[in-house]
Amino acid sequence: MPTSPSTTTSARLLSLLSLLQVRRDWPGGLLAGRLGVSERTVRRDVDRLRELGYLVHAVKGPDGGYRLEAGSEVPPLLFDEEQAVALAVALRIAVGTGAGIEEAAARALVTVRQVLPSRLRRRVDVLEVGTAGAGPQVDIGVLLAVSSAIRAREELRFDYRAPGRPDAGGPPRRVQPHHLVSRAGRWYVVGWSAEREDWRTYRADRMVLRVPNGPRFTPREVPGGDVGAFLSARFKGSDAPGWPCRGEVVLDLPVAEVAPFAGDDTAEELGDGRTRLVTGSWSWAALAARLLRFDTEVEVVGPPELRDAFAALSRRAARAAGVTRQCR
């Protein structure tokens, strides 16, 4: 069955659009060669793309050519198979980001899924993305405003709501924003406080931005150069990567029963059903309490601070149980 001219033209337009998206400038002769048509046909096809809303500029020069630019409206988009699957997966994940775009992401996912071939649709449908631990919703306007301030290197002025309070207390705060980070369903702004001469971390869902922004600033590098590691350290009560309090113990358990709960800690099999564990926490008392969850005998290798924490914890436990020391 012969191919109709309209089908040939449509297929050629899609090929032309695909080519224009992969590089900035295309000489007209090179486009014609790739499409197997004349340069006159390329010019007509470019005009058709312009009618569909694509902003295609003619490039002046010895060879001439074309360039695809961003327009004032969103025209139809063209993705290859890998891009389409990646987009669908990203939209499915976006539903649980807490960024206030859940409804829009869900609608966009339905739109993308409808046009996917069945073999690609099955690849997307088998992916299950959980939203457990999703944090409070953040106004998308706040995220966009913070991102804009980061790019412009402008100081943020904002009120900060205390936990459990709908209103912000205290004077307005100021920070030089450097990073906007998503962690465990919450969004955090990492910035430098000129007033405190230190790095500060704020939850974006508690920020009430004021306008206009403050003065421009010179960007800095977070300690260690890795904002993810820096933020993780702050949650552990330290300015450096890793826990501020680390200790070594021997547990009367086989490594198979310790490793699933060790996370990033070091668990080493010692034989005879015993395990050497190097772990940490934000305080010595917290570390001692954390080790007791294994519900087994614990031999403290070191340091002395961990041994002292166990002693203090045992005294508190005795008082909580109503046990008094008998005097002799």
C-alpha atoms as a PDB file:
ATOM      1  CA  MET A   1       0.000   0.000   0.000  1.00  0.00           C
ATOM      2  CA  PRO A   2       1.622   3.313  -1.053  1.00  0.00           C
ATOM      3  CA  THR A   3       2.326   5.969   1.523  1.00  0.00           C
ATOM      4  CA  SER A   4       0.193   9.078   1.228  1.00  0.00           C
ATOM      5  CA  PRO A   5       1.893  12.479   0.768  1.00  0.00           C
ATOM      6  CA  SER A   6       0.392  13.738   4.045  1.00  0.00           C
ATOM      7  CA  THR A   7       1.840  10.769   5.935  1.00  0.00           C
ATOM      8  CA  THR A   8       5.245  11.369   4.356  1.00  0.00           C
ATOM      9  CA  THR A   9       5.120  15.056   5.266  1.00  0.00           C
ATOM     10  CA  SER A  10       4.082  14.360   8.854  1.00  0.00           C
ATOM     11  CA  ALA A  11       6.864  11.813   9.330  1.00  0.00           C
ATOM     12  CA  ARG A  12       9.378  14.234   7.827  1.00  0.00           C
ATOM     13  CA  LEU A  13       8.216  17.035  10.152  1.00  0.00           C
ATOM     14  CA  LEU A  14       8.762  14.788  13.158  1.00  0.00           C
ATOM     15  CA  SER A  15      12.225  13.879  11.887  1.00  0.00           C
ATOM     16  CA  LEU A  16      13.040  17.540  11.298  1.00  0.00           C
ATOM     17  CA  LEU A  17      11.871  18.492  14.779  1.00  0.00           C
ATOM     18  CA  SER A  18      13.909  15.674  16.291  1.00  0.00           C
ATOM     19  CA  LEU A  19      17.034  16.893  14.489  1.00  0.00           C
ATOM     20  CA  LEU A  20      16.492  20.514  15.549  1.00  0.00           C
ATOM     21  CA  GLN A  21      16.249  19.439  19.195  1.00  0.00           C
ATOM     22  CA  VAL A  22      19.594  17.623  19.324  1.00  0.00           C
ATOM     23  CA  ARG A  23      21.914  20.463  18.292  1.00  0.00           C
ATOM     24  CA  ARG A  24      21.865  24.248  18.336  1.00  0.00           C
ATOM     25  CA  ASP A  25      22.509  25.169  14.678  1.00  0.00           C
ATOM     26  CA  TRP A  26      21.750  23.145  11.569  1.00  0.00           C
ATOM     27  CA  PRO A  27      22.992  24.247   8.111  1.00  0.00           C
ATOM     28  CA  GLY A  28      20.163  23.982   5.606  1.00  0.00           C
ATOM     29  CA  GLY A  29      22.155  21.736   3.290  1.00  0.00           C
ATOM     30  CA  LEU A  30      22.992  19.321   6.096  1.00  0.00           C
ATOM     31  CA  LEU A  31      19.340  19.120   7.141  1.00  0.00           C
ATOM     32  CA  ALA A  32      18.306  18.464   3.573  1.00  0.00           C
ATOM     33  CA  GLY A  33      20.855  15.670   3.295  1.00  0.00           C
ATOM     34  CA  ARG A  34      19.747  14.031   6.546  1.00  0.00           C
ATOM     35  CA  LEU A  35      16.093  14.142   5.491  1.00  0.00           C
ATOM     36  CA  GLY A  36      16.710  13.176   1.863  1.00  0.00           C
ATOM     37  CA  VAL A  37      14.912  16.212   0.436  1.00  0.00           C
ATOM     38  CA  SER A  38      15.795  19.509  -1.198  1.00  0.00           C
ATOM     39  CA  GLU A  39      16.648  22.671   0.731  1.00  0.00           C
ATOM     40  CA  ARG A  40      13.440  24.198  -0.654  1.00  0.00           C
ATOM     41  CA  THR A  41      11.451  21.393   1.014  1.00  0.00           C
ATOM     42  CA  VAL A  42      13.313  22.046   4.272  1.00  0.00           C
ATOM     43  CA  ARG A  43      12.270  25.714   4.114  1.00  0.00           C
ATOM     44  CA  ARG A  44       8.622  24.716   3.615  1.00  0.00           C
ATOM     45  CA  ASP A  45       8.798  22.240   6.499  1.00  0.00           C
ATOM     46  CA  VAL A  46      10.327  24.895   8.763  1.00  0.00           C
ATOM     47  CA  ASP A  47       7.381  27.155   7.919  1.00  0.00           C
ATOM     48  CA  ARG A  48       4.991  24.341   8.903  1.00  0.00           C
ATOM     49  CA  LEU A  49       6.752  23.958  12.255  1.00  0.00           C
ATOM     50  CA  ARG A  50       6.411  27.692  12.842  1.00  0.00           C
ATOM     51  CA  GLU A  51       2.681  27.418  12.199  1.00  0.00           C
ATOM     52  CA  LEU A  52       2.528  24.710  14.905  1.00  0.00           C
ATOM     53  CA  GLY A  53       4.081  27.093  17.426  1.00  0.00           C
ATOM     54  CA  TYR A  54       7.777  26.256  17.177  1.00  0.00           C
ATOM     55  CA  LEU A  55      10.116  29.232  17.121  1.00  0.00           C
ATOM     56  CA  VAL A  56      12.638  28.332  14.408  1.00  0.00           C
ATOM     57  CA  HIS A  57      15.091  31.111  13.538  1.00  0.00           C
ATOM     58  CA  ALA A  58      16.961  31.354  10.275  1.00  0.00           C
ATOM     59  CA  VAL A  59      20.706  31.536  10.965  1.00  0.00           C
ATOM     60  CA  LYS A  60      22.689  33.920   8.799  1.00  0.00           C
ATOM     61  CA  GLY A  61      26.107  33.006   7.546  1.00  0.00           C
ATOM     62  CA  PRO A  62      27.983  31.419   4.650  1.00  0.00           C
ATOM     63  CA  ASP A  63      26.117  28.139   4.977  1.00  0.00           C
ATOM     64  CA  GLY A  64      22.835  29.465   6.345  1.00  0.00           C
ATOM     65  CA  GLY A  65      20.714  27.266   8.538  1.00  0.00           C
ATOM     66  CA  TYR A  66      18.142  27.015  11.309  1.00  0.00           C
ATOM     67  CA  ARG A  67      17.979  27.153  15.095  1.00  0.00           C
ATOM     68  CA  LEU A  68      15.162  26.025  17.415  1.00  0.00           C
ATOM     69  CA  GLU A  69      14.485  28.615  20.152  1.00  0.00           C
ATOM     70  CA  ALA A  70      12.164  28.766  23.140  1.00  0.00           C
ATOM     71  CA  GLY A  71       8.861  30.450  22.321  1.00  0.00           C
ATOM     72  CA  SER A  72       6.229  32.301  24.328  1.00  0.00           C
ATOM     73  CA  GLU A  73       3.939  29.236  24.484  1.00  0.00           C
ATOM     74  CA  VAL A  74       4.508  25.515  24.963  1.00  0.00           C
ATOM     75  CA  PRO A  75       4.332  23.773  21.564  1.00  0.00           C
ATOM     76  CA  PRO A  76       3.944  20.008  21.096  1.00  0.00           C
ATOM     77  CA  LEU A  77       7.073  18.229  22.357  1.00  0.00           C
ATOM     78  CA  LEU A  78       8.916  15.282  20.876  1.00  0.00           C
ATOM     79  CA  PHE A  79      10.717  12.665  22.980  1.00  0.00           C
ATOM     80  CA  ASP A  80      12.536   9.497  22.068  1.00  0.00           C
ATOM     81  CA  GLU A  81      11.601   6.271  23.884  1.00  0.00           C
ATOM     82  CA  GLU A  82      14.166   6.578  26.676  1.00  0.00           C
ATOM     83  CA  GLN A  83      13.224  10.215  27.294  1.00  0.00           C
ATOM     84  CA  ALA A  84       9.517   9.362  27.401  1.00  0.00           C
ATOM     85  CA  VAL A  85      10.052   6.600  29.981  1.00  0.00           C
ATOM     86  CA  ALA A  86      12.342   8.836  32.058  1.00  0.00           C
ATOM     87  CA  LEU A  87       9.726  11.610  31.992  1.00  0.00           C
ATOM     88  CA  ALA A  88       6.949   9.248  33.110  1.00  0.00           C
ATOM     89  CA  VAL A  89       9.101   7.883  35.952  1.00  0.00           C
ATOM     90  CA  ALA A  90      10.047  11.406  37.072  1.00  0.00           C
ATOM     91  CA  LEU A  91       6.385  12.448  37.094  1.00  0.00           C
ATOM     92  CA  ARG A  92       5.433   9.417  39.163  1.00  0.00           C
ATOM     93  CA  ILE A  93       8.127  10.317  41.704  1.00  0.00           C
ATOM     94  CA  ALA A  94       7.073  13.997  41.663  1.00  0.00           C
ATOM     95  CA  VAL A  95       3.665  13.058  43.032  1.00  0.00           C
ATOM     96  CA  GLY A  96       5.300  12.403  46.413  1.00  0.00           C
ATOM     97  CA  THR A  97       7.887  15.192  46.596  1.00  0.00           C
ATOM     98  CA  GLY A  98       5.873  17.564  48.787  1.00  0.00           C
ATOM     99  CA  ALA A  99       6.559  20.383  46.341  1.00  0.00           C
ATOM    100  CA  GLY A 100       2.902  21.333  45.853  1.00  0.00           C
ATOM    101  CA  ILE A 101       2.817  19.995  42.277  1.00  0.00           C
ATOM    102  CA  GLU A 102       1.213  16.621  42.982  1.00  0.00           C
ATOM    103  CA  GLU A 103      -2.026  17.271  41.078  1.00  0.00           C
ATOM    104  CA  ALA A 104      -0.245  18.772  38.058  1.00  0.00           C
ATOM    105  CA  ALA A 105       2.286  15.916  38.032  1.00  0.00           C
ATOM    106  CA  ALA A 106      -0.493  13.320  38.190  1.00  0.00           C
ATOM    107  CA  ARG A 107      -2.335  14.950  35.271  1.00  0.00           C
ATOM    108  CA  ALA A 108       0.888  15.189  33.257  1.00  0.00           C
ATOM    109  CA  LEU A 109       1.611  11.520  33.945  1.00  0.00           C
ATOM    110  CA  VAL A 110      -1.833  10.540  32.590  1.00  0.00           C
ATOM    111  CA  THR A 111      -1.162  12.614  29.450  1.00  0.00           C
ATOM    112  CA  VAL A 112       2.240  11.033  28.848  1.00  0.00           C
ATOM    113  CA  ARG A 113       1.011   7.529  29.590  1.00  0.00           C
ATOM    114  CA  GLN A 114      -1.826   7.802  27.076  1.00  0.00           C
ATOM    115  CA  VAL A 115       0.546   8.356  24.161  1.00  0.00           C
ATOM    116  CA  LEU A 116       3.148   5.747  25.138  1.00  0.00           C
ATOM    117  CA  PRO A 117       3.324   2.545  23.093  1.00  0.00           C
ATOM    118  CA  SER A 118       2.036  -0.465  25.029  1.00  0.00           C
ATOM    119  CA  ARG A 119       5.534  -1.904  25.522  1.00  0.00           C
ATOM    120  CA  LEU A 120       6.728   1.358  27.132  1.00  0.00           C
ATOM    121  CA  ARG A 121       3.518   1.780  29.118  1.00  0.00           C
ATOM    122  CA  ARG A 122       4.115  -1.608  30.734  1.00  0.00           C
ATOM    123  CA  ARG A 123       7.629  -0.524  31.764  1.00  0.00           C
ATOM    124  CA  VAL A 124       6.186   2.522  33.508  1.00  0.00           C
ATOM    125  CA  ASP A 125       3.219   0.733  35.091  1.00  0.00           C
ATOM    126  CA  VAL A 126       5.344  -1.933  36.811  1.00  0.00           C
ATOM    127  CA  LEU A 127       7.248   0.756  38.689  1.00  0.00           C
ATOM    128  CA  GLU A 128       5.810   1.316  42.150  1.00  0.00           C
ATOM    129  CA  VAL A 129       6.985   4.483  43.883  1.00  0.00           C
ATOM    130  CA  GLY A 130       6.032   4.776  47.524  1.00  0.00           C
ATOM    131  CA  THR A 131       5.333   8.093  49.225  1.00  0.00           C
ATOM    132  CA  ALA A 132       5.930   6.941  52.792  1.00  0.00           C
ATOM    133  CA  GLY A 133       7.525   9.656  54.871  1.00  0.00           C
ATOM    134  CA  ALA A 134       6.359  12.470  52.623  1.00  0.00           C
ATOM    135  CA  GLY A 135       6.665  15.749  54.476  1.00  0.00           C
ATOM    136  CA  PRO A 136       4.391  18.762  54.651  1.00  0.00           C
ATOM    137  CA  GLN A 137       3.387  20.522  51.465  1.00  0.00           C
ATOM    138  CA  VAL A 138       5.444  23.471  50.284  1.00  0.00           C
ATOM    139  CA  ASP A 139       3.999  26.286  48.208  1.00  0.00           C
ATOM    140  CA  ILE A 140       5.531  25.898  44.745  1.00  0.00           C
ATOM    141  CA  GLY A 141       5.811  29.693  44.652  1.00  0.00           C
ATOM    142  CA  VAL A 142       8.186  29.560  47.621  1.00  0.00           C
ATOM    143  CA  LEU A 143      10.387  26.959  45.909  1.00  0.00           C
ATOM    144  CA  LEU A 144      10.494  28.984  42.693  1.00  0.00           C
ATOM    145  CA  ALA A 145      11.262  32.209  44.573  1.00  0.00           C
ATOM    146  CA  VAL A 146      14.068  30.566  46.538  1.00  0.00           C
ATOM    147  CA  SER A 147      15.517  29.029  43.372  1.00  0.00           C
ATOM    148  CA  SER A 148      15.399  32.409  41.676  1.00  0.00           C
ATOM    149  CA  ALA A 149      17.199  34.041  44.620  1.00  0.00           C
ATOM    150  CA  ILE A 150      19.891  31.358  44.501  1.00  0.00           C
ATOM    151  CA  ARG A 151      20.492  31.957  40.795  1.00  0.00           C
ATOM    152  CA  ALA A 152      20.485  35.735  41.232  1.00  0.00           C
ATOM    153  CA  ARG A 153      22.644  35.487  44.385  1.00  0.00           C
ATOM    154  CA  GLU A 154      20.217  37.675  46.305  1.00  0.00           C
ATOM    155  CA  GLU A 155      19.687  37.565  50.052  1.00  0.00           C
ATOM    156  CA  LEU A 156      16.330  36.225  51.259  1.00  0.00           C
ATOM    157  CA  ARG A 157      14.202  38.076  53.807  1.00  0.00           C
ATOM    158  CA  PHE A 158      11.569  35.915  55.503  1.00  0.00           C
ATOM    159  CA  ASP A 159       9.519  35.097  58.565  1.00  0.00           C
ATOM    160  CA  TYR A 160       9.940  31.624  60.024  1.00  0.00           C
ATOM    161  CA  ARG A 161       7.055  29.702  61.563  1.00  0.00           C
ATOM    162  CA  ALA A 162       7.823  27.777  64.717  1.00  0.00           C
ATOM    163  CA  PRO A 163       6.831  24.073  64.846  1.00  0.00           C
ATOM    164  CA  GLY A 164       3.126  23.682  65.559  1.00  0.00           C
ATOM    165  CA  ARG A 165       2.392  27.396  65.172  1.00  0.00           C
ATOM    166  CA  PRO A 166       0.594  28.892  62.155  1.00  0.00           C
ATOM    167  CA  ASP A 167       2.221  32.291  62.645  1.00  0.00           C
ATOM    168  CA  ALA A 168       5.850  33.361  62.558  1.00  0.00           C
ATOM    169  CA  GLY A 169       7.360  34.688  65.731  1.00  0.00           C
ATOM    170  CA  GLY A 170      10.273  37.059  66.210  1.00  0.00           C
ATOM    171  CA  PRO A 171      11.895  39.529  63.824  1.00  0.00           C
ATOM    172  CA  PRO A 172      12.373  38.764  60.126  1.00  0.00           C
ATOM    173  CA  ARG A 173      15.344  36.573  59.277  1.00  0.00           C
ATOM    174  CA  ARG A 174      17.944  37.036  56.576  1.00  0.00           C
ATOM    175  CA  VAL A 175      20.032  34.424  54.821  1.00  0.00           C
ATOM    176  CA  GLN A 176      22.177  34.170  51.717  1.00  0.00           C
ATOM    177  CA  PRO A 177      20.642  31.106  49.998  1.00  0.00           C
ATOM    178  CA  HIS A 178      23.050  28.704  48.330  1.00  0.00           C
ATOM    179  CA  HIS A 179      21.155  25.438  47.938  1.00  0.00           C
ATOM    180  CA  LEU A 180      17.581  24.115  47.847  1.00  0.00           C
ATOM    181  CA  VAL A 181      17.607  20.442  48.832  1.00  0.00           C
ATOM    182  CA  SER A 182      14.892  17.781  49.037  1.00  0.00           C
ATOM    183  CA  ARG A 183      15.422  15.208  51.795  1.00  0.00           C
ATOM    184  CA  ALA A 184      12.978  12.584  53.073  1.00  0.00           C
ATOM    185  CA  GLY A 185       9.942  14.414  51.666  1.00  0.00           C
ATOM    186  CA  ARG A 186      10.944  17.838  53.024  1.00  0.00           C
ATOM    187  CA  TRP A 187      12.569  20.816  51.313  1.00  0.00           C
ATOM    188  CA  TYR A 188      15.443  22.647  52.993  1.00  0.00           C
ATOM    189  CA  VAL A 189      17.199  25.936  52.240  1.00  0.00           C
ATOM    190  CA  VAL A 190      20.902  25.865  53.051  1.00  0.00           C
ATOM    191  CA  GLY A 191      22.440  29.309  53.322  1.00  0.00           C
ATOM    192  CA  TRP A 192      24.975  31.568  55.010  1.00  0.00           C
ATOM    193  CA  SER A 193      23.850  33.895  57.783  1.00  0.00           C
ATOM    194  CA  ALA A 194      25.943  37.052  57.718  1.00  0.00           C
ATOM    195  CA  GLU A 195      24.571  38.063  61.119  1.00  0.00           C
ATOM    196  CA  ARG A 196      25.634  34.809  62.816  1.00  0.00           C
ATOM    197  CA  GLU A 197      28.627  34.238  60.535  1.00  0.00           C
ATOM    198  CA  ASP A 198      27.640  30.602  60.147  1.00  0.00           C
ATOM    199  CA  TRP A 199      25.722  28.231  57.891  1.00  0.00           C
ATOM    200  CA  ARG A 200      22.023  27.774  58.585  1.00  0.00           C
ATOM    201  CA  THR A 201      19.372  25.295  57.422  1.00  0.00           C
ATOM    202  CA  TYR A 202      15.660  26.180  57.159  1.00  0.00           C
ATOM    203  CA  ARG A 203      12.614  24.140  56.236  1.00  0.00           C
ATOM    204  CA  ALA A 204      10.998  25.695  53.194  1.00  0.00           C
ATOM    205  CA  ASP A 205       7.458  24.859  54.358  1.00  0.00           C
ATOM    206  CA  ARG A 206       7.969  27.126  57.398  1.00  0.00           C
ATOM    207  CA  MET A 207       9.309  30.096  55.433  1.00  0.00           C
ATOM    208  CA  VAL A 208       7.113  33.117  54.679  1.00  0.00           C
ATOM    209  CA  LEU A 209       9.092  35.143  52.169  1.00  0.00           C
ATOM    210  CA  ARG A 210       9.183  38.913  52.212  1.00  0.00           C
ATOM    211  CA  VAL A 211       9.665  41.157  49.197  1.00  0.00           C
ATOM    212  CA  PRO A 212      11.827  42.530  47.860  1.00  0.00           C
ATOM    213  CA  ASN A 213      14.895  40.350  48.296  1.00  0.00           C
ATOM    214  CA  GLY A 214      17.959  41.724  50.014  1.00  0.00           C
ATOM    215  CA  PRO A 215      21.296  42.736  48.456  1.00  0.00           C
ATOM    216  CA  ARG A 216      23.401  40.525  46.210  1.00  0.00           C
ATOM    217  CA  PHE A 217      26.105  38.375  47.789  1.00  0.00           C
ATOM    218  CA  THR A 218      29.248  36.497  46.853  1.00  0.00           C
ATOM    219  CA  PRO A 219      28.628  32.735  46.893  1.00  0.00           C
ATOM    220  CA  ARG A 220      30.505  30.456  49.279  1.00  0.00           C
ATOM    221  CA  GLU A 221      31.214  26.736  49.347  1.00  0.00           C
ATOM    222  CA  VAL A 222      29.544  24.649  52.030  1.00  0.00           C
ATOM    223  CA  PRO A 223      31.985  22.889  54.387  1.00  0.00           C
ATOM    224  CA  GLY A 224      33.297  19.814  52.642  1.00  0.00           C
ATOM    225  CA  GLY A 225      32.002  20.951  49.259  1.00  0.00           C
ATOM    226  CA  ASP A 226      29.086  18.470  49.231  1.00  0.00           C
ATOM    227  CA  VAL A 227      25.728  19.950  50.263  1.00  0.00           C
ATOM    228  CA  GLY A 228      24.168  16.495  50.687  1.00  0.00           C
ATOM    229  CA  ALA A 229      26.903  15.362  53.091  1.00  0.00           C
ATOM    230  CA  PHE A 230      26.779  18.712  54.869  1.00  0.00           C
ATOM    231  CA  LEU A 231      23.032  18.502  55.417  1.00  0.00           C
ATOM    232  CA  SER A 232      23.297  14.895  56.601  1.00  0.00           C
ATOM    233  CA  ALA A 233      25.973  15.939  59.109  1.00  0.00           C
ATOM    234  CA  ARG A 234      23.800  18.777  60.409  1.00  0.00           C
ATOM    235  CA  PHE A 235      20.983  16.329  61.092  1.00  0.00           C
ATOM    236  CA  LYS A 236      23.476  14.243  63.033  1.00  0.00           C
ATOM    237  CA  GLY A 237      24.453  17.232  65.173  1.00  0.00           C
ATOM    238  CA  SER A 238      27.822  17.836  63.533  1.00  0.00           C
ATOM    239  CA  ASP A 239      29.445  20.217  61.061  1.00  0.00           C
ATOM    240  CA  ALA A 240      31.555  17.411  59.619  1.00  0.00           C
ATOM    241  CA  PRO A 241      30.417  14.270  57.765  1.00  0.00           C
ATOM    242  CA  GLY A 242      29.568  11.385  60.069  1.00  0.00           C
ATOM    243  CA  TRP A 243      28.236  11.195  63.602  1.00  0.00           C
ATOM    244  CA  PRO A 244      29.856  13.399  66.258  1.00  0.00           C
ATOM    245  CA  CYS A 245      29.929  10.464  68.718  1.00  0.00           C
ATOM    246  CA  ARG A 246      31.255   7.110  67.480  1.00  0.00           C
ATOM    247  CA  GLY A 247      32.019   3.971  69.423  1.00  0.00           C
ATOM    248  CA  GLU A 248      33.030   0.350  69.023  1.00  0.00           C
ATOM    249  CA  VAL A 249      31.273  -2.558  70.704  1.00  0.00           C
ATOM    250  CA  VAL A 250      31.044  -6.334  70.497  1.00  0.00           C
ATOM    251  CA  LEU A 251      27.510  -7.746  70.370  1.00  0.00           C
ATOM    252  CA  ASP A 252      26.599 -11.291  71.369  1.00  0.00           C
ATOM    253  CA  LEU A 253      24.773 -11.792  68.078  1.00  0.00           C
ATOM    254  CA  PRO A 254      25.759 -13.211  64.663  1.00  0.00           C
ATOM    255  CA  VAL A 255      26.440 -10.621  61.986  1.00  0.00           C
ATOM    256  CA  ALA A 256      23.387 -11.787  60.019  1.00  0.00           C
ATOM    257  CA  GLU A 257      21.168 -10.397  62.801  1.00  0.00           C
ATOM    258  CA  VAL A 258      23.101  -7.134  63.125  1.00  0.00           C
ATOM    259  CA  ALA A 259      23.804  -6.141  59.518  1.00  0.00           C
ATOM    260  CA  PRO A 260      20.155  -5.431  58.521  1.00  0.00           C
ATOM    261  CA  PHE A 261      20.053  -2.699  61.180  1.00  0.00           C
ATOM    262  CA  ALA A 262      23.608  -1.393  60.760  1.00  0.00           C
ATOM    263  CA  GLY A 263      22.921   0.955  57.836  1.00  0.00           C
ATOM    264  CA  ASP A 264      26.202   2.735  57.003  1.00  0.00           C
ATOM    265  CA  ASP A 265      27.882   1.352  60.143  1.00  0.00           C
ATOM    266  CA  THR A 266      30.610  -1.289  60.104  1.00  0.00           C
ATOM    267  CA  ALA A 267      29.507  -4.773  61.195  1.00  0.00           C
ATOM    268  CA  GLU A 268      32.187  -7.507  61.240  1.00  0.00           C
ATOM    269  CA  GLU A 269      31.739 -11.201  62.019  1.00  0.00           C
ATOM    270  CA  LEU A 270      34.032 -12.319  64.880  1.00  0.00           C
ATOM    271  CA  GLY A 271      32.942 -15.945  65.023  1.00  0.00           C
ATOM    272  CA  ASP A 272      31.163 -17.829  67.802  1.00  0.00           C
ATOM    273  CA  GLY A 273      28.020 -15.829  67.020  1.00  0.00           C
ATOM    274  CA  ARG A 274      29.584 -12.478  67.953  1.00  0.00           C
ATOM    275  CA  THR A 275      29.798  -9.262  65.921  1.00  0.00           C
ATOM    276  CA  ARG A 276      32.046  -6.218  66.094  1.00  0.00           C
ATOM    277  CA  LEU A 277      30.051  -3.056  65.417  1.00  0.00           C
ATOM    278  CA  VAL A 278      31.373   0.477  64.867  1.00  0.00           C
ATOM    279  CA  THR A 279      28.493   2.939  64.963  1.00  0.00           C
ATOM    280  CA  GLY A 280      27.603   6.480  65.950  1.00  0.00           C
ATOM    281  CA  SER A 281      24.914   8.894  67.067  1.00  0.00           C
ATOM    282  CA  TRP A 282      24.408  12.544  67.898  1.00  0.00           C
ATOM    283  CA  SER A 283      25.267  12.041  71.619  1.00  0.00           C
ATOM    284  CA  TRP A 284      26.837   9.355  73.816  1.00  0.00           C
ATOM    285  CA  ALA A 285      23.576   8.770  75.666  1.00  0.00           C
ATOM    286  CA  ALA A 286      21.731   8.318  72.369  1.00  0.00           C
ATOM    287  CA  LEU A 287      24.406   5.917  71.147  1.00  0.00           C
ATOM    288  CA  ALA A 288      24.153   3.780  74.282  1.00  0.00           C
ATOM    289  CA  ALA A 289      20.351   3.670  74.012  1.00  0.00           C
ATOM    290  CA  ARG A 290      20.598   2.800  70.324  1.00  0.00           C
ATOM    291  CA  LEU A 291      22.857  -0.175  71.052  1.00  0.00           C
ATOM    292  CA  LEU A 292      20.457  -1.537  73.659  1.00  0.00           C
ATOM    293  CA  ARG A 293      17.856  -2.108  70.951  1.00  0.00           C
ATOM    294  CA  PHE A 294      19.765  -5.244  69.915  1.00  0.00           C
ATOM    295  CA  ASP A 295      18.568  -6.805  73.200  1.00  0.00           C
ATOM    296  CA  THR A 296      21.791  -8.704  73.838  1.00  0.00           C
ATOM    297  CA  GLU A 297      25.019  -8.492  75.806  1.00  0.00           C
ATOM    298  CA  VAL A 298      27.143  -5.474  74.830  1.00  0.00           C
ATOM    299  CA  GLU A 299      30.903  -5.305  75.386  1.00  0.00           C
ATOM    300  CA  VAL A 300      32.208  -1.759  75.038  1.00  0.00           C
ATOM    301  CA  VAL A 301      35.572  -1.617  73.277  1.00  0.00           C
ATOM    302  CA  GLY A 302      35.727   2.170  73.414  1.00  0.00           C
ATOM    303  CA  PRO A 303      35.879   5.028  73.881  1.00  0.00           C
ATOM    304  CA  PRO A 304      35.500   5.659  77.640  1.00  0.00           C
ATOM    305  CA  GLU A 305      32.687   8.172  76.962  1.00  0.00           C
ATOM    306  CA  LEU A 306      30.479   5.370  75.666  1.00  0.00           C
ATOM    307  CA  ARG A 307      31.160   3.264  78.761  1.00  0.00           C
ATOM    308  CA  ASP A 308      30.255   6.245  80.974  1.00  0.00           C
ATOM    309  CA  ALA A 309      27.052   6.752  78.985  1.00  0.00           C
ATOM    310  CA  PHE A 310      26.016   3.145  79.640  1.00  0.00           C
ATOM    311  CA  ALA A 311      26.646   3.670  83.366  1.00  0.00           C
ATOM    312  CA  ALA A 312      24.532   6.825  83.445  1.00  0.00           C
ATOM    313  CA  LEU A 313      21.805   5.124  81.430  1.00  0.00           C
ATOM    314  CA  SER A 314      21.707   2.168  83.838  1.00  0.00           C
ATOM    315  CA  ARG A 315      21.230   4.510  86.792  1.00  0.00           C
ATOM    316  CA  ARG A 316      18.362   6.295  85.038  1.00  0.00           C
ATOM    317  CA  ALA A 317      16.790   2.947  84.120  1.00  0.00           C
ATOM    318  CA  ALA A 318      17.008   1.793  87.727  1.00  0.00           C
ATOM    319  CA  ARG A 319      15.297   4.939  88.963  1.00  0.00           C
ATOM    320  CA  ALA A 320      12.614   4.612  86.309  1.00  0.00           C
ATOM    321  CA  ALA A 321      11.971   1.038  87.433  1.00  0.00           C
ATOM    322  CA  GLY A 322      11.663   2.131  91.061  1.00  0.00           C
ATOM    323  CA  VAL A 323      14.756   0.195  92.138  1.00  0.00           C
ATOM    324  CA  THR A 324      16.632   1.693  95.101  1.00  0.00           C
ATOM    325  CA  ARG A 325      20.065   0.683  96.185  1.00  0.00           C
ATOM    326  CA  GLN A 326      20.113  -1.168  99.463  1.00  0.00           C
ATOM    327  CA  CYS A 327      22.437   0.295 102.078  1.00  0.00           C
ATOM    328  CA  ARG A 328      24.592  -2.057 104.122  1.00  0.00           C
END
